[in-house]
Amino acid sequence: MQLNHFPMKIVAPSILCLSMDDKIQVLERNNVSSQSFSFHPDFFNTAHFSETEGYMSTGLKIETGLSLFKRDNTHTGVYTATEKVYPKLFEWFFVIGTEVNAQSDSLWVCRIKKYLIQILGLLEELNNHSEQSPVGLVLEYIHTNYPDKISLEDLTKCAHLNRISLNKKFQDLYGCTAKGYLLLYRLKIAENLLTHTGMSLNEIACAVGFEYDSYFIKQFTVKKGMTPTEFRNNSREFAYNQIV
């Protein structure tokens, strides 16, 4: 195929992140099937919390995944998904389509934003950490499976290292243990969901892998210095003040 007149070969499974300015031409294909999801750029710039509250246009902007739509030496618009990652991406992609078709309640747009943040966030992390080292394998596992229950044993098995060796590598690279990195990544996704959706704290806690919202609130408050609700209000107020 050609993307913006540059020839390239795509091998499945792959994800294409295209903007309205991109020009794509398929020159040859063999047993290819694909699905697509398109959205207007303003979807990233508008906070839509529920059908009853309506649209609240502010300075809020989802930053997660924006780099995927850039065009430079490291961002071609084509991102290969590993066999371990593809099932999760396909699952989230499928749910987005289901939500668009069903529009079952007032928070369907919030859920689409949640899955979009998850998909683009995962692709962005995979593009930034593509090495197949023990730590790279654990990062891929965390970025893919953080909504699920993850034990330290799961991470050591993934890396083929014992607990001490794995934690030392994470301490050297990220200043925290492997489980500590998992916690911080979950909270990072939670920040996006708090700011850009109207999901409840319990829904957000479940979405990022916490079994109980009380534990989520406790960990968020300790790490961020404010409660999730305070963070949500502050981030939205800051964005509003930026455009007043």
C-alpha atoms as a PDB file:
ATOM      1  CA  MET A   1       0.000   0.000   0.000  1.00  0.00           C
ATOM      2  CA  GLN A   2       0.926   3.647  -0.200  1.00  0.00           C
ATOM      3  CA  LEU A   3       0.401   6.076   2.668  1.00  0.00           C
ATOM      4  CA  ASN A   4       0.862   9.701   1.656  1.00  0.00           C
ATOM      5  CA  HIS A   5       2.630   8.438  -1.503  1.00  0.00           C
ATOM      6  CA  PHE A   6       5.167   6.429   0.517  1.00  0.00           C
ATOM      7  CA  PRO A   7       5.119   2.675  -0.193  1.00  0.00           C
ATOM      8  CA  MET A   8       4.924   0.338   2.795  1.00  0.00           C
ATOM      9  CA  LYS A   9       4.077  -3.246   3.573  1.00  0.00           C
ATOM     10  CA  ILE A  10       1.623  -4.107   6.322  1.00  0.00           C
ATOM     11  CA  VAL A  11       1.527  -7.499   7.987  1.00  0.00           C
ATOM     12  CA  ALA A  12      -1.402  -8.502  10.190  1.00  0.00           C
ATOM     13  CA  PRO A  13      -2.217  -7.836  12.896  1.00  0.00           C
ATOM     14  CA  SER A  14      -1.612  -4.110  12.505  1.00  0.00           C
ATOM     15  CA  ILE A  15      -3.417  -0.892  13.409  1.00  0.00           C
ATOM     16  CA  LEU A  16      -3.551   2.174  11.166  1.00  0.00           C
ATOM     17  CA  CYS A  17      -3.993   5.555  12.861  1.00  0.00           C
ATOM     18  CA  LEU A  18      -4.985   7.973  10.116  1.00  0.00           C
ATOM     19  CA  SER A  19      -5.922  11.633  10.112  1.00  0.00           C
ATOM     20  CA  MET A  20      -8.188  13.402   7.641  1.00  0.00           C
ATOM     21  CA  ASP A  21      -5.112  14.648   5.767  1.00  0.00           C
ATOM     22  CA  ASP A  22      -3.685  11.174   5.186  1.00  0.00           C
ATOM     23  CA  LYS A  23      -4.019   9.608   1.744  1.00  0.00           C
ATOM     24  CA  ILE A  24      -4.040   5.829   1.559  1.00  0.00           C
ATOM     25  CA  GLN A  25      -4.005   3.568  -1.487  1.00  0.00           C
ATOM     26  CA  VAL A  26      -4.077  -0.222  -1.350  1.00  0.00           C
ATOM     27  CA  LEU A  27      -1.922  -1.623  -4.150  1.00  0.00           C
ATOM     28  CA  GLU A  28      -2.019  -5.321  -3.350  1.00  0.00           C
ATOM     29  CA  ARG A  29      -3.715  -7.482  -0.757  1.00  0.00           C
ATOM     30  CA  ASN A  30      -3.877 -11.115   0.231  1.00  0.00           C
ATOM     31  CA  ASN A  31      -6.562 -12.500   2.579  1.00  0.00           C
ATOM     32  CA  VAL A  32      -7.086  -9.113   4.200  1.00  0.00           C
ATOM     33  CA  SER A  33      -9.985  -8.074   6.384  1.00  0.00           C
ATOM     34  CA  SER A  34     -10.290  -4.986   8.546  1.00  0.00           C
ATOM     35  CA  GLN A  35     -12.574  -2.909  10.729  1.00  0.00           C
ATOM     36  CA  SER A  36     -12.545   0.837  11.226  1.00  0.00           C
ATOM     37  CA  PHE A  37     -13.652   3.420  13.734  1.00  0.00           C
ATOM     38  CA  SER A  38     -13.605   7.092  12.824  1.00  0.00           C
ATOM     39  CA  PHE A  39     -14.166  10.196  14.928  1.00  0.00           C
ATOM     40  CA  HIS A  40     -13.975  13.938  14.435  1.00  0.00           C
ATOM     41  CA  PRO A  41     -10.885  15.625  15.946  1.00  0.00           C
ATOM     42  CA  ASP A  42     -13.199  17.692  18.162  1.00  0.00           C
ATOM     43  CA  PHE A  43     -14.120  14.468  19.924  1.00  0.00           C
ATOM     44  CA  PHE A  44     -10.765  14.828  21.704  1.00  0.00           C
ATOM     45  CA  ASN A  45     -11.408  18.485  22.511  1.00  0.00           C
ATOM     46  CA  THR A  46     -14.925  18.279  23.908  1.00  0.00           C
ATOM     47  CA  ALA A  47     -15.901  16.893  27.279  1.00  0.00           C
ATOM     48  CA  HIS A  48     -19.206  15.089  26.917  1.00  0.00           C
ATOM     49  CA  PHE A  49     -20.307  13.716  30.255  1.00  0.00           C
ATOM     50  CA  SER A  50     -23.871  12.513  29.651  1.00  0.00           C
ATOM     51  CA  GLU A  51     -26.911  13.012  27.483  1.00  0.00           C
ATOM     52  CA  THR A  52     -28.658  14.865  30.331  1.00  0.00           C
ATOM     53  CA  GLU A  53     -25.737  17.222  30.994  1.00  0.00           C
ATOM     54  CA  GLY A  54     -25.052  17.600  27.288  1.00  0.00           C
ATOM     55  CA  TYR A  55     -21.796  18.772  25.760  1.00  0.00           C
ATOM     56  CA  MET A  56     -19.474  20.956  27.751  1.00  0.00           C
ATOM     57  CA  SER A  57     -16.918  22.441  25.390  1.00  0.00           C
ATOM     58  CA  THR A  58     -13.826  23.413  27.348  1.00  0.00           C
ATOM     59  CA  GLY A  59     -10.070  23.437  27.035  1.00  0.00           C
ATOM     60  CA  LEU A  60     -10.076  19.787  27.999  1.00  0.00           C
ATOM     61  CA  LYS A  61      -8.160  17.685  25.520  1.00  0.00           C
ATOM     62  CA  ILE A  62      -7.328  14.003  25.560  1.00  0.00           C
ATOM     63  CA  GLU A  63      -3.566  13.840  25.017  1.00  0.00           C
ATOM     64  CA  THR A  64      -3.307  10.047  25.108  1.00  0.00           C
ATOM     65  CA  GLY A  65      -2.493   8.636  21.686  1.00  0.00           C
ATOM     66  CA  LEU A  66      -2.127  11.946  19.841  1.00  0.00           C
ATOM     67  CA  SER A  67       1.469  11.070  18.937  1.00  0.00           C
ATOM     68  CA  LEU A  68       0.150   8.119  16.915  1.00  0.00           C
ATOM     69  CA  PHE A  69      -1.298  10.530  14.349  1.00  0.00           C
ATOM     70  CA  LYS A  70       1.946  12.449  13.851  1.00  0.00           C
ATOM     71  CA  ARG A  71       4.117  11.764  10.828  1.00  0.00           C
ATOM     72  CA  ASP A  72       7.870  11.520  11.406  1.00  0.00           C
ATOM     73  CA  ASN A  73      10.601   8.893  11.527  1.00  0.00           C
ATOM     74  CA  THR A  74       9.041   7.093  14.507  1.00  0.00           C
ATOM     75  CA  HIS A  75       5.355   7.632  13.684  1.00  0.00           C
ATOM     76  CA  THR A  76       4.326   6.269  10.296  1.00  0.00           C
ATOM     77  CA  GLY A  77       0.677   5.738  11.154  1.00  0.00           C
ATOM     78  CA  VAL A  78       1.090   1.956  11.025  1.00  0.00           C
ATOM     79  CA  TYR A  79       1.550   0.057  14.302  1.00  0.00           C
ATOM     80  CA  THR A  80       2.056  -3.673  14.572  1.00  0.00           C
ATOM     81  CA  ALA A  81       0.196  -5.492  17.332  1.00  0.00           C
ATOM     82  CA  THR A  82       1.765  -8.567  18.861  1.00  0.00           C
ATOM     83  CA  GLU A  83      -0.189 -11.799  19.111  1.00  0.00           C
ATOM     84  CA  LYS A  84      -0.606 -11.263  22.862  1.00  0.00           C
ATOM     85  CA  VAL A  85      -1.893  -7.709  22.466  1.00  0.00           C
ATOM     86  CA  TYR A  86      -4.172  -8.148  19.457  1.00  0.00           C
ATOM     87  CA  PRO A  87      -7.025 -10.027  21.251  1.00  0.00           C
ATOM     88  CA  LYS A  88      -7.380  -7.203  23.789  1.00  0.00           C
ATOM     89  CA  LEU A  89      -7.337  -4.525  21.082  1.00  0.00           C
ATOM     90  CA  PHE A  90      -9.923  -6.463  19.074  1.00  0.00           C
ATOM     91  CA  GLU A  91     -12.123  -6.819  22.161  1.00  0.00           C
ATOM     92  CA  TRP A  92     -12.038  -3.085  22.916  1.00  0.00           C
ATOM     93  CA  PHE A  93     -12.570  -2.255  19.241  1.00  0.00           C
ATOM     94  CA  PHE A  94     -15.601  -4.542  19.104  1.00  0.00           C
ATOM     95  CA  VAL A  95     -17.129  -2.985  22.228  1.00  0.00           C
ATOM     96  CA  ILE A  96     -16.786   0.515  20.728  1.00  0.00           C
ATOM     97  CA  GLY A  97     -18.831  -0.618  17.728  1.00  0.00           C
ATOM     98  CA  THR A  98     -21.422  -2.177  20.005  1.00  0.00           C
ATOM     99  CA  GLU A  99     -21.723   0.989  22.088  1.00  0.00           C
ATOM    100  CA  VAL A 100     -22.156   3.186  19.004  1.00  0.00           C
ATOM    101  CA  ASN A 101     -24.903   0.970  17.653  1.00  0.00           C
ATOM    102  CA  ALA A 102     -26.727   0.454  20.958  1.00  0.00           C
ATOM    103  CA  GLN A 103     -26.429   3.902  22.623  1.00  0.00           C
ATOM    104  CA  SER A 104     -28.079   2.126  25.527  1.00  0.00           C
ATOM    105  CA  ASP A 105     -27.935   4.876  28.157  1.00  0.00           C
ATOM    106  CA  SER A 106     -26.768   8.417  28.834  1.00  0.00           C
ATOM    107  CA  LEU A 107     -23.116   7.419  29.382  1.00  0.00           C
ATOM    108  CA  TRP A 108     -22.457   5.594  26.122  1.00  0.00           C
ATOM    109  CA  VAL A 109     -20.158   8.382  24.870  1.00  0.00           C
ATOM    110  CA  CYS A 110     -18.174   8.189  28.118  1.00  0.00           C
ATOM    111  CA  ARG A 111     -17.629   4.487  27.587  1.00  0.00           C
ATOM    112  CA  ILE A 112     -16.475   5.054  24.016  1.00  0.00           C
ATOM    113  CA  LYS A 113     -13.954   7.585  25.289  1.00  0.00           C
ATOM    114  CA  LYS A 114     -12.811   5.069  27.888  1.00  0.00           C
ATOM    115  CA  TYR A 115     -12.117   2.406  25.277  1.00  0.00           C
ATOM    116  CA  LEU A 116     -10.531   4.931  22.932  1.00  0.00           C
ATOM    117  CA  ILE A 117      -8.189   6.048  25.719  1.00  0.00           C
ATOM    118  CA  GLN A 118      -7.359   2.399  26.418  1.00  0.00           C
ATOM    119  CA  ILE A 119      -6.721   1.514  22.755  1.00  0.00           C
ATOM    120  CA  LEU A 120      -4.626   4.567  21.923  1.00  0.00           C
ATOM    121  CA  GLY A 121      -2.811   4.409  25.252  1.00  0.00           C
ATOM    122  CA  LEU A 122      -1.849   0.788  24.652  1.00  0.00           C
ATOM    123  CA  LEU A 123      -0.654   1.478  21.101  1.00  0.00           C
ATOM    124  CA  GLU A 124       1.351   4.481  22.307  1.00  0.00           C
ATOM    125  CA  GLU A 125       3.026   2.464  25.062  1.00  0.00           C
ATOM    126  CA  LEU A 126       3.823  -0.380  22.654  1.00  0.00           C
ATOM    127  CA  ASN A 127       5.396   2.094  20.250  1.00  0.00           C
ATOM    128  CA  ASN A 128       7.479   3.605  23.055  1.00  0.00           C
ATOM    129  CA  HIS A 129       8.504   0.265  24.609  1.00  0.00           C
ATOM    130  CA  SER A 130       8.927  -2.190  21.758  1.00  0.00           C
ATOM    131  CA  GLU A 131      12.010  -4.030  23.001  1.00  0.00           C
ATOM    132  CA  GLN A 132      11.620  -7.737  23.778  1.00  0.00           C
ATOM    133  CA  SER A 133      13.704  -7.621  26.962  1.00  0.00           C
ATOM    134  CA  PRO A 134      12.398  -9.055  30.257  1.00  0.00           C
ATOM    135  CA  VAL A 135      11.246  -5.593  31.312  1.00  0.00           C
ATOM    136  CA  GLY A 136       9.792  -4.942  27.866  1.00  0.00           C
ATOM    137  CA  LEU A 137       7.728  -8.120  28.075  1.00  0.00           C
ATOM    138  CA  VAL A 138       6.414  -7.131  31.502  1.00  0.00           C
ATOM    139  CA  LEU A 139       5.535  -3.632  30.278  1.00  0.00           C
ATOM    140  CA  GLU A 140       3.600  -5.117  27.376  1.00  0.00           C
ATOM    141  CA  TYR A 141       1.765  -7.399  29.801  1.00  0.00           C
ATOM    142  CA  ILE A 142       0.938  -4.522  32.171  1.00  0.00           C
ATOM    143  CA  HIS A 143      -0.179  -2.114  29.429  1.00  0.00           C
ATOM    144  CA  THR A 144      -2.410  -4.810  27.936  1.00  0.00           C
ATOM    145  CA  ASN A 145      -3.871  -6.438  31.041  1.00  0.00           C
ATOM    146  CA  TYR A 146      -4.002  -3.666  33.669  1.00  0.00           C
ATOM    147  CA  PRO A 147      -7.844  -3.780  33.777  1.00  0.00           C
ATOM    148  CA  ASP A 148      -7.566  -7.375  35.017  1.00  0.00           C
ATOM    149  CA  LYS A 149      -6.191  -8.821  38.233  1.00  0.00           C
ATOM    150  CA  ILE A 150      -2.394  -9.045  38.000  1.00  0.00           C
ATOM    151  CA  SER A 151      -0.172 -10.719  40.582  1.00  0.00           C
ATOM    152  CA  LEU A 152       3.572 -10.413  41.032  1.00  0.00           C
ATOM    153  CA  GLU A 153       3.786 -14.063  40.021  1.00  0.00           C
ATOM    154  CA  ASP A 154       2.152 -13.190  36.691  1.00  0.00           C
ATOM    155  CA  LEU A 155       4.860 -10.594  36.067  1.00  0.00           C
ATOM    156  CA  THR A 156       7.780 -12.815  37.082  1.00  0.00           C
ATOM    157  CA  LYS A 157       6.487 -15.599  34.814  1.00  0.00           C
ATOM    158  CA  CYS A 158       6.196 -13.134  31.970  1.00  0.00           C
ATOM    159  CA  ALA A 159       9.780 -11.936  32.438  1.00  0.00           C
ATOM    160  CA  HIS A 160      11.219 -15.385  33.308  1.00  0.00           C
ATOM    161  CA  LEU A 161      12.894 -13.746  36.291  1.00  0.00           C
ATOM    162  CA  ASN A 162      12.547 -14.098  40.037  1.00  0.00           C
ATOM    163  CA  ARG A 163      10.934 -11.372  42.106  1.00  0.00           C
ATOM    164  CA  ILE A 164      14.188  -9.786  43.289  1.00  0.00           C
ATOM    165  CA  SER A 165      15.765  -9.624  39.814  1.00  0.00           C
ATOM    166  CA  LEU A 166      12.618  -8.201  38.209  1.00  0.00           C
ATOM    167  CA  ASN A 167      12.137  -5.529  40.861  1.00  0.00           C
ATOM    168  CA  LYS A 168      15.794  -4.503  40.623  1.00  0.00           C
ATOM    169  CA  LYS A 169      15.477  -3.961  36.879  1.00  0.00           C
ATOM    170  CA  PHE A 170      12.343  -1.852  37.401  1.00  0.00           C
ATOM    171  CA  GLN A 171      13.992   0.115  40.197  1.00  0.00           C
ATOM    172  CA  ASP A 172      16.949   0.875  37.933  1.00  0.00           C
ATOM    173  CA  LEU A 173      14.741   1.980  35.027  1.00  0.00           C
ATOM    174  CA  TYR A 174      11.672   3.518  36.675  1.00  0.00           C
ATOM    175  CA  GLY A 175      12.507   4.009  40.350  1.00  0.00           C
ATOM    176  CA  CYS A 176       9.809   1.623  41.546  1.00  0.00           C
ATOM    177  CA  THR A 177       8.996  -2.072  41.741  1.00  0.00           C
ATOM    178  CA  ALA A 178       7.096  -3.892  38.985  1.00  0.00           C
ATOM    179  CA  LYS A 179       3.898  -3.796  41.045  1.00  0.00           C
ATOM    180  CA  GLY A 180       4.576  -0.147  41.826  1.00  0.00           C
ATOM    181  CA  TYR A 181       4.754   0.583  38.095  1.00  0.00           C
ATOM    182  CA  LEU A 182       1.458  -1.251  37.605  1.00  0.00           C
ATOM    183  CA  LEU A 183      -0.195   0.887  40.271  1.00  0.00           C
ATOM    184  CA  LEU A 184       1.110   4.137  38.773  1.00  0.00           C
ATOM    185  CA  TYR A 185      -0.011   3.115  35.292  1.00  0.00           C
ATOM    186  CA  ARG A 186      -3.504   2.309  36.542  1.00  0.00           C
ATOM    187  CA  LEU A 187      -3.695   5.709  38.212  1.00  0.00           C
ATOM    188  CA  LYS A 188      -2.474   7.388  35.022  1.00  0.00           C
ATOM    189  CA  ILE A 189      -5.360   5.866  33.058  1.00  0.00           C
ATOM    190  CA  ALA A 190      -7.728   6.776  35.908  1.00  0.00           C
ATOM    191  CA  GLU A 191      -6.677  10.438  35.627  1.00  0.00           C
ATOM    192  CA  ASN A 192      -7.793  10.494  31.995  1.00  0.00           C
ATOM    193  CA  LEU A 193     -11.106   8.848  32.831  1.00  0.00           C
ATOM    194  CA  LEU A 194     -11.734  11.239  35.720  1.00  0.00           C
ATOM    195  CA  THR A 195     -11.114  14.278  33.538  1.00  0.00           C
ATOM    196  CA  HIS A 196     -12.683  13.219  30.270  1.00  0.00           C
ATOM    197  CA  THR A 197     -15.662  11.057  31.249  1.00  0.00           C
ATOM    198  CA  GLY A 198     -18.582  11.159  33.652  1.00  0.00           C
ATOM    199  CA  MET A 199     -17.945   7.622  34.881  1.00  0.00           C
ATOM    200  CA  SER A 200     -18.472   7.037  38.600  1.00  0.00           C
ATOM    201  CA  LEU A 201     -15.492   6.330  40.863  1.00  0.00           C
ATOM    202  CA  ASN A 202     -16.594   2.719  41.152  1.00  0.00           C
ATOM    203  CA  GLU A 203     -16.769   2.357  37.359  1.00  0.00           C
ATOM    204  CA  ILE A 204     -13.334   3.927  36.950  1.00  0.00           C
ATOM    205  CA  ALA A 205     -11.849   1.742  39.689  1.00  0.00           C
ATOM    206  CA  CYS A 206     -13.123  -1.392  37.957  1.00  0.00           C
ATOM    207  CA  ALA A 207     -11.986  -0.134  34.534  1.00  0.00           C
ATOM    208  CA  VAL A 208      -8.372   0.252  35.646  1.00  0.00           C
ATOM    209  CA  GLY A 209      -8.091  -2.952  37.657  1.00  0.00           C
ATOM    210  CA  PHE A 210      -9.083  -2.111  41.244  1.00  0.00           C
ATOM    211  CA  GLU A 211     -11.411  -4.588  42.907  1.00  0.00           C
ATOM    212  CA  TYR A 212     -12.805  -2.017  45.349  1.00  0.00           C
ATOM    213  CA  ASP A 213     -13.350   1.696  44.823  1.00  0.00           C
ATOM    214  CA  SER A 214     -12.332   2.357  48.435  1.00  0.00           C
ATOM    215  CA  TYR A 215      -8.848   0.975  47.740  1.00  0.00           C
ATOM    216  CA  PHE A 216      -8.680   2.965  44.497  1.00  0.00           C
ATOM    217  CA  ILE A 217      -9.573   6.178  46.328  1.00  0.00           C
ATOM    218  CA  LYS A 218      -6.993   5.465  49.043  1.00  0.00           C
ATOM    219  CA  GLN A 219      -4.159   4.761  46.583  1.00  0.00           C
ATOM    220  CA  PHE A 220      -5.058   7.708  44.357  1.00  0.00           C
ATOM    221  CA  THR A 221      -5.112  10.074  47.330  1.00  0.00           C
ATOM    222  CA  VAL A 222      -1.748   8.832  48.628  1.00  0.00           C
ATOM    223  CA  LYS A 223      -0.001   9.042  45.241  1.00  0.00           C
ATOM    224  CA  LYS A 224      -1.621  12.211  43.880  1.00  0.00           C
ATOM    225  CA  GLY A 225      -2.100  14.210  47.069  1.00  0.00           C
ATOM    226  CA  MET A 226      -5.829  14.692  46.501  1.00  0.00           C
ATOM    227  CA  THR A 227      -8.925  12.543  46.219  1.00  0.00           C
ATOM    228  CA  PRO A 228     -10.154  11.394  42.786  1.00  0.00           C
ATOM    229  CA  THR A 229     -13.106  13.775  43.057  1.00  0.00           C
ATOM    230  CA  GLU A 230     -10.822  16.709  43.894  1.00  0.00           C
ATOM    231  CA  PHE A 231      -8.596  15.800  40.935  1.00  0.00           C
ATOM    232  CA  ARG A 232     -11.625  15.630  38.617  1.00  0.00           C
ATOM    233  CA  ASN A 233     -12.910  19.030  39.717  1.00  0.00           C
ATOM    234  CA  ASN A 234      -9.481  20.668  39.615  1.00  0.00           C
ATOM    235  CA  SER A 235      -8.594  19.369  36.147  1.00  0.00           C
ATOM    236  CA  ARG A 236     -11.883  20.552  34.678  1.00  0.00           C
ATOM    237  CA  GLU A 237     -11.730  23.917  36.434  1.00  0.00           C
ATOM    238  CA  PHE A 238      -8.174  24.479  35.210  1.00  0.00           C
ATOM    239  CA  ALA A 239      -9.215  23.711  31.627  1.00  0.00           C
ATOM    240  CA  TYR A 240     -12.175  26.081  31.929  1.00  0.00           C
ATOM    241  CA  ASN A 241      -9.997  28.880  33.308  1.00  0.00           C
ATOM    242  CA  GLN A 242      -7.570  28.432  30.439  1.00  0.00           C
ATOM    243  CA  ILE A 243     -10.165  29.584  27.902  1.00  0.00           C
ATOM    244  CA  VAL A 244     -12.083  32.192  29.921  1.00  0.00           C
END
